[in-house]
Amino acid sequence: MKATIYHNPRCSKSREALAILQEAGAEVEVVEYLKTPPSRAKLAALYARAGISPRAGLRIAEDGAKPLKSADGDTILDAMMVDPLLIERPLVETEKGVRLGRPPEKVREIL
């Protein structure tokens, strides 16, 4: 099985999700999204496939998220393109679907 993880190596939840994928024997493509962010279209497609809104994929703990409190999905996606720190991690994609790994065990649903 192939998997892509949009990963931040400094994040413990992201490291835990990566370990779950590796333990499951997945062929993992690691995308350090802070260095190589997904395009706006790719991010929107990932959220759609996961069945979540851009708001659900927003890292609300970041200072840049505060002005987005009442923003719509398009505005949130635009903000994520300017500041990838606003993208909640880890985001994992396999042929079975996409999950936001919060908690990391949620990635097991698509293995």
N, C-alpha and C. Protein backbone atom coordinates (compact mmCIF):
# COMPACT_ATOMS: atom_id res chain seq x y z
N MET A 1 0.84 -1.18 0.00
CA MET A 1 0.00 0.00 0.00
C MET A 1 0.88 1.24 0.00
N LYS A 2 0.45 2.23 -0.77
CA LYS A 2 1.16 3.50 -0.83
C LYS A 2 0.40 4.52 0.02
N ALA A 3 1.18 5.39 0.65
CA ALA A 3 0.58 6.45 1.47
C ALA A 3 1.42 7.71 1.30
N THR A 4 0.75 8.84 1.36
CA THR A 4 1.44 10.13 1.38
C THR A 4 1.06 10.80 2.69
N ILE A 5 2.07 11.29 3.40
CA ILE A 5 1.82 12.02 4.64
C ILE A 5 2.37 13.43 4.49
N TYR A 6 1.51 14.39 4.76
CA TYR A 6 1.90 15.80 4.82
C TYR A 6 2.33 16.01 6.25
N HIS A 7 3.62 16.14 6.44
CA HIS A 7 4.30 15.87 7.70
C HIS A 7 5.12 17.06 8.18
N ASN A 8 5.16 17.22 9.49
CA ASN A 8 6.09 18.16 10.14
C ASN A 8 6.89 17.32 11.12
N PRO A 9 8.19 17.09 10.85
CA PRO A 9 8.98 16.23 11.72
C PRO A 9 9.11 16.74 13.15
N ARG A 10 8.79 18.00 13.40
CA ARG A 10 8.87 18.54 14.76
C ARG A 10 7.60 18.27 15.57
N CYS A 11 6.57 17.74 14.92
CA CYS A 11 5.28 17.51 15.56
C CYS A 11 5.18 16.06 16.03
N SER A 12 4.91 15.85 17.30
CA SER A 12 4.83 14.48 17.84
C SER A 12 3.68 13.70 17.22
N LYS A 13 2.54 14.33 16.98
CA LYS A 13 1.40 13.63 16.37
C LYS A 13 1.73 13.20 14.95
N SER A 14 2.44 14.05 14.24
CA SER A 14 2.85 13.72 12.88
C SER A 14 3.85 12.56 12.90
N ARG A 15 4.78 12.58 13.81
CA ARG A 15 5.74 11.46 13.94
C ARG A 15 5.03 10.17 14.31
N GLU A 16 4.03 10.24 15.18
CA GLU A 16 3.26 9.04 15.55
C GLU A 16 2.50 8.48 14.36
N ALA A 17 1.89 9.34 13.56
CA ALA A 17 1.15 8.88 12.38
C ALA A 17 2.11 8.23 11.38
N LEU A 18 3.29 8.83 11.20
CA LEU A 18 4.28 8.25 10.30
C LEU A 18 4.71 6.87 10.79
N ALA A 19 4.90 6.72 12.07
CA ALA A 19 5.28 5.41 12.64
C ALA A 19 4.18 4.38 12.40
N ILE A 20 2.93 4.77 12.53
CA ILE A 20 1.81 3.85 12.27
C ILE A 20 1.85 3.38 10.82
N LEU A 21 2.08 4.30 9.90
CA LEU A 21 2.16 3.95 8.49
C LEU A 21 3.31 2.99 8.22
N GLN A 22 4.46 3.29 8.81
CA GLN A 22 5.64 2.44 8.60
C GLN A 22 5.44 1.06 9.21
N GLU A 23 4.86 1.00 10.40
CA GLU A 23 4.59 -0.29 11.06
C GLU A 23 3.61 -1.14 10.25
N ALA A 24 2.71 -0.47 9.53
CA ALA A 24 1.74 -1.18 8.70
C ALA A 24 2.35 -1.66 7.39
N GLY A 25 3.60 -1.27 7.15
CA GLY A 25 4.29 -1.70 5.94
C GLY A 25 3.97 -0.87 4.71
N ALA A 26 3.41 0.31 4.92
CA ALA A 26 3.07 1.18 3.78
C ALA A 26 4.33 1.74 3.14
N GLU A 27 4.25 1.93 1.82
CA GLU A 27 5.28 2.66 1.08
C GLU A 27 4.92 4.12 1.27
N VAL A 28 5.70 4.83 2.08
CA VAL A 28 5.31 6.17 2.49
C VAL A 28 6.09 7.25 1.75
N GLU A 29 5.36 8.16 1.13
CA GLU A 29 5.96 9.38 0.59
C GLU A 29 5.75 10.45 1.65
N VAL A 30 6.86 11.00 2.13
CA VAL A 30 6.80 12.02 3.16
C VAL A 30 6.95 13.38 2.49
N VAL A 31 5.95 14.24 2.68
CA VAL A 31 5.99 15.59 2.16
C VAL A 31 6.08 16.53 3.37
N GLU A 32 7.22 17.16 3.53
CA GLU A 32 7.34 18.16 4.60
C GLU A 32 6.64 19.42 4.11
N TYR A 33 5.39 19.55 4.50
CA TYR A 33 4.51 20.56 3.91
C TYR A 33 4.94 21.99 4.22
N LEU A 34 5.77 22.20 5.23
CA LEU A 34 6.25 23.56 5.49
C LEU A 34 7.31 23.95 4.46
N LYS A 35 8.04 22.96 3.94
CA LYS A 35 9.04 23.21 2.91
C LYS A 35 8.43 23.14 1.51
N THR A 36 7.48 22.21 1.33
CA THR A 36 6.84 21.98 0.04
C THR A 36 5.33 21.88 0.26
N PRO A 37 4.66 23.01 0.41
CA PRO A 37 3.22 22.96 0.66
C PRO A 37 2.45 22.43 -0.54
N PRO A 38 1.34 21.75 -0.29
CA PRO A 38 0.49 21.34 -1.41
C PRO A 38 -0.12 22.57 -2.07
N SER A 39 -0.48 22.44 -3.32
CA SER A 39 -1.16 23.54 -4.00
C SER A 39 -2.53 23.75 -3.35
N ARG A 40 -3.11 24.88 -3.62
CA ARG A 40 -4.44 25.17 -3.09
C ARG A 40 -5.44 24.11 -3.58
N ALA A 41 -5.35 23.77 -4.88
CA ALA A 41 -6.26 22.78 -5.45
C ALA A 41 -6.06 21.41 -4.80
N LYS A 42 -4.81 21.03 -4.58
CA LYS A 42 -4.52 19.73 -3.95
C LYS A 42 -5.06 19.72 -2.53
N LEU A 43 -4.82 20.79 -1.78
CA LEU A 43 -5.29 20.84 -0.40
C LEU A 43 -6.82 20.78 -0.35
N ALA A 44 -7.48 21.52 -1.23
CA ALA A 44 -8.95 21.47 -1.28
C ALA A 44 -9.44 20.06 -1.61
N ALA A 45 -8.74 19.40 -2.54
CA ALA A 45 -9.12 18.03 -2.91
C ALA A 45 -8.90 17.06 -1.75
N LEU A 46 -7.82 17.23 -1.01
CA LEU A 46 -7.56 16.38 0.15
C LEU A 46 -8.66 16.54 1.19
N TYR A 47 -9.03 17.78 1.47
CA TYR A 47 -10.09 18.01 2.46
C TYR A 47 -11.42 17.43 1.97
N ALA A 48 -11.72 17.61 0.70
CA ALA A 48 -12.97 17.07 0.15
C ALA A 48 -12.98 15.55 0.27
N ARG A 49 -11.87 14.93 -0.06
CA ARG A 49 -11.79 13.47 0.00
C ARG A 49 -11.88 12.98 1.45
N ALA A 50 -11.38 13.77 2.38
CA ALA A 50 -11.45 13.42 3.80
C ALA A 50 -12.84 13.69 4.37
N GLY A 51 -13.65 14.45 3.64
CA GLY A 51 -14.98 14.79 4.12
C GLY A 51 -14.97 15.85 5.19
N ILE A 52 -13.94 16.72 5.13
CA ILE A 52 -13.85 17.80 6.12
C ILE A 52 -13.77 19.14 5.39
N SER A 53 -14.07 20.18 6.11
CA SER A 53 -13.99 21.53 5.55
C SER A 53 -12.59 22.09 5.78
N PRO A 54 -12.22 23.12 5.02
CA PRO A 54 -10.94 23.78 5.30
C PRO A 54 -10.86 24.25 6.76
N ARG A 55 -11.98 24.66 7.32
CA ARG A 55 -11.98 25.09 8.74
C ARG A 55 -11.54 23.94 9.64
N ALA A 56 -12.00 22.72 9.35
CA ALA A 56 -11.60 21.56 10.16
C ALA A 56 -10.12 21.24 9.99
N GLY A 57 -9.54 21.68 8.87
CA GLY A 57 -8.12 21.47 8.63
C GLY A 57 -7.25 22.64 9.05
N LEU A 58 -7.85 23.60 9.72
CA LEU A 58 -7.13 24.80 10.16
C LEU A 58 -6.49 24.56 11.52
N ARG A 59 -5.23 24.87 11.61
CA ARG A 59 -4.49 24.75 12.87
C ARG A 59 -4.81 25.98 13.71
N ILE A 60 -5.83 25.86 14.54
CA ILE A 60 -6.36 27.02 15.27
C ILE A 60 -5.42 27.55 16.35
N ALA A 61 -4.41 26.77 16.73
CA ALA A 61 -3.47 27.22 17.76
C ALA A 61 -2.51 28.29 17.24
N GLU A 62 -2.42 28.43 15.93
CA GLU A 62 -1.51 29.41 15.35
C GLU A 62 -2.10 30.82 15.42
N ASP A 63 -1.24 31.80 15.66
CA ASP A 63 -1.69 33.19 15.72
C ASP A 63 -2.40 33.62 14.44
N GLY A 64 -1.92 33.14 13.30
CA GLY A 64 -2.51 33.50 12.02
C GLY A 64 -3.93 33.00 11.83
N ALA A 65 -4.37 32.07 12.67
CA ALA A 65 -5.73 31.54 12.56
C ALA A 65 -6.76 32.46 13.21
N LYS A 66 -6.33 33.28 14.14
CA LYS A 66 -7.28 34.14 14.88
C LYS A 66 -8.10 35.04 13.96
N PRO A 67 -7.49 35.68 12.95
CA PRO A 67 -8.31 36.53 12.07
C PRO A 67 -9.27 35.73 11.18
N LEU A 68 -9.14 34.43 11.16
CA LEU A 68 -9.97 33.59 10.30
C LEU A 68 -11.18 33.02 11.02
N LYS A 69 -11.45 33.53 12.22
CA LYS A 69 -12.51 32.99 13.06
C LYS A 69 -13.85 32.88 12.32
N SER A 70 -14.19 33.87 11.53
CA SER A 70 -15.48 33.83 10.83
C SER A 70 -15.31 33.73 9.31
N ALA A 71 -14.11 33.35 8.86
CA ALA A 71 -13.83 33.28 7.43
C ALA A 71 -14.47 32.05 6.79
N ASP A 72 -14.73 32.16 5.49
CA ASP A 72 -15.26 31.01 4.75
C ASP A 72 -14.10 30.11 4.31
N GLY A 73 -14.45 28.96 3.74
CA GLY A 73 -13.46 27.97 3.35
C GLY A 73 -12.45 28.48 2.34
N ASP A 74 -12.91 29.27 1.37
CA ASP A 74 -11.99 29.80 0.36
C ASP A 74 -10.96 30.74 0.98
N THR A 75 -11.41 31.56 1.90
CA THR A 75 -10.50 32.49 2.57
C THR A 75 -9.48 31.72 3.41
N ILE A 76 -9.94 30.68 4.07
CA ILE A 76 -9.04 29.84 4.88
C ILE A 76 -8.00 29.17 3.99
N LEU A 77 -8.43 28.61 2.86
CA LEU A 77 -7.47 28.00 1.93
C LEU A 77 -6.45 29.02 1.43
N ASP A 78 -6.92 30.22 1.11
CA ASP A 78 -6.00 31.28 0.67
C ASP A 78 -4.97 31.58 1.75
N ALA A 79 -5.42 31.66 2.99
CA ALA A 79 -4.51 31.95 4.10
C ALA A 79 -3.49 30.82 4.28
N MET A 80 -3.93 29.58 4.08
CA MET A 80 -3.02 28.43 4.20
C MET A 80 -1.94 28.47 3.14
N MET A 81 -2.26 29.01 1.97
CA MET A 81 -1.26 29.11 0.90
C MET A 81 -0.20 30.15 1.26
N VAL A 82 -0.62 31.20 1.95
CA VAL A 82 0.32 32.24 2.37
C VAL A 82 1.15 31.77 3.56
N ASP A 83 0.51 31.04 4.48
CA ASP A 83 1.17 30.58 5.70
C ASP A 83 0.84 29.11 5.95
N PRO A 84 1.69 28.19 5.45
CA PRO A 84 1.42 26.76 5.61
C PRO A 84 1.37 26.28 7.06
N LEU A 85 1.86 27.08 8.00
CA LEU A 85 1.72 26.72 9.41
C LEU A 85 0.27 26.57 9.82
N LEU A 86 -0.64 27.17 9.05
CA LEU A 86 -2.06 27.10 9.35
C LEU A 86 -2.68 25.76 9.00
N ILE A 87 -1.94 24.92 8.27
CA ILE A 87 -2.45 23.61 7.88
C ILE A 87 -2.25 22.63 9.04
N GLU A 88 -3.35 22.08 9.54
CA GLU A 88 -3.26 21.09 10.62
C GLU A 88 -2.59 19.84 10.08
N ARG A 89 -1.80 19.22 10.93
CA ARG A 89 -1.07 18.02 10.52
C ARG A 89 -1.27 16.93 11.53
N PRO A 90 -0.99 15.72 11.11
CA PRO A 90 -0.60 15.27 9.78
C PRO A 90 -1.83 14.97 8.93
N LEU A 91 -1.69 15.16 7.66
CA LEU A 91 -2.73 14.82 6.70
C LEU A 91 -2.19 13.63 5.92
N VAL A 92 -2.95 12.53 5.88
CA VAL A 92 -2.48 11.29 5.27
C VAL A 92 -3.45 10.86 4.17
N GLU A 93 -2.89 10.48 3.03
CA GLU A 93 -3.68 10.03 1.88
C GLU A 93 -3.23 8.63 1.47
N THR A 94 -4.20 7.74 1.28
CA THR A 94 -3.96 6.42 0.69
C THR A 94 -5.03 6.21 -0.37
N GLU A 95 -4.97 5.06 -1.04
CA GLU A 95 -6.00 4.77 -2.03
C GLU A 95 -7.37 4.62 -1.39
N LYS A 96 -7.43 4.39 -0.09
CA LYS A 96 -8.70 4.20 0.61
C LYS A 96 -9.30 5.50 1.12
N GLY A 97 -8.55 6.60 1.06
CA GLY A 97 -9.09 7.87 1.53
C GLY A 97 -8.04 8.78 2.11
N VAL A 98 -8.53 9.81 2.79
CA VAL A 98 -7.67 10.82 3.42
C VAL A 98 -8.15 11.00 4.85
N ARG A 99 -7.20 11.10 5.77
CA ARG A 99 -7.54 11.38 7.16
C ARG A 99 -6.59 12.42 7.72
N LEU A 100 -7.14 13.26 8.57
CA LEU A 100 -6.35 14.16 9.38
C LEU A 100 -5.98 13.35 10.62
N GLY A 101 -4.71 13.17 10.87
CA GLY A 101 -4.25 12.29 11.94
C GLY A 101 -4.31 12.93 13.32
N ARG A 102 -5.47 13.37 13.69
CA ARG A 102 -5.71 13.91 15.03
C ARG A 102 -6.89 13.16 15.62
N PRO A 103 -6.71 12.17 16.44
CA PRO A 103 -5.46 11.59 16.89
C PRO A 103 -4.80 10.74 15.80
N PRO A 104 -3.52 10.44 15.95
CA PRO A 104 -2.79 9.70 14.92
C PRO A 104 -3.43 8.37 14.53
N GLU A 105 -4.12 7.73 15.47
CA GLU A 105 -4.73 6.42 15.19
C GLU A 105 -5.78 6.50 14.08
N LYS A 106 -6.29 7.68 13.77
CA LYS A 106 -7.30 7.83 12.72
C LYS A 106 -6.76 7.38 11.36
N VAL A 107 -5.43 7.40 11.17
CA VAL A 107 -4.90 6.98 9.88
C VAL A 107 -5.11 5.49 9.65
N ARG A 108 -5.32 4.73 10.71
CA ARG A 108 -5.57 3.28 10.56
C ARG A 108 -6.85 3.04 9.74
N GLU A 109 -7.77 3.99 9.75
CA GLU A 109 -9.03 3.86 9.02
C GLU A 109 -8.82 3.74 7.52
N ILE A 110 -7.68 4.21 7.02
CA ILE A 110 -7.44 4.19 5.57
C ILE A 110 -6.28 3.27 5.19
N LEU A 111 -5.92 2.37 6.08
CA LEU A 111 -4.85 1.41 5.76
C LEU A 111 -5.44 0.13 5.20
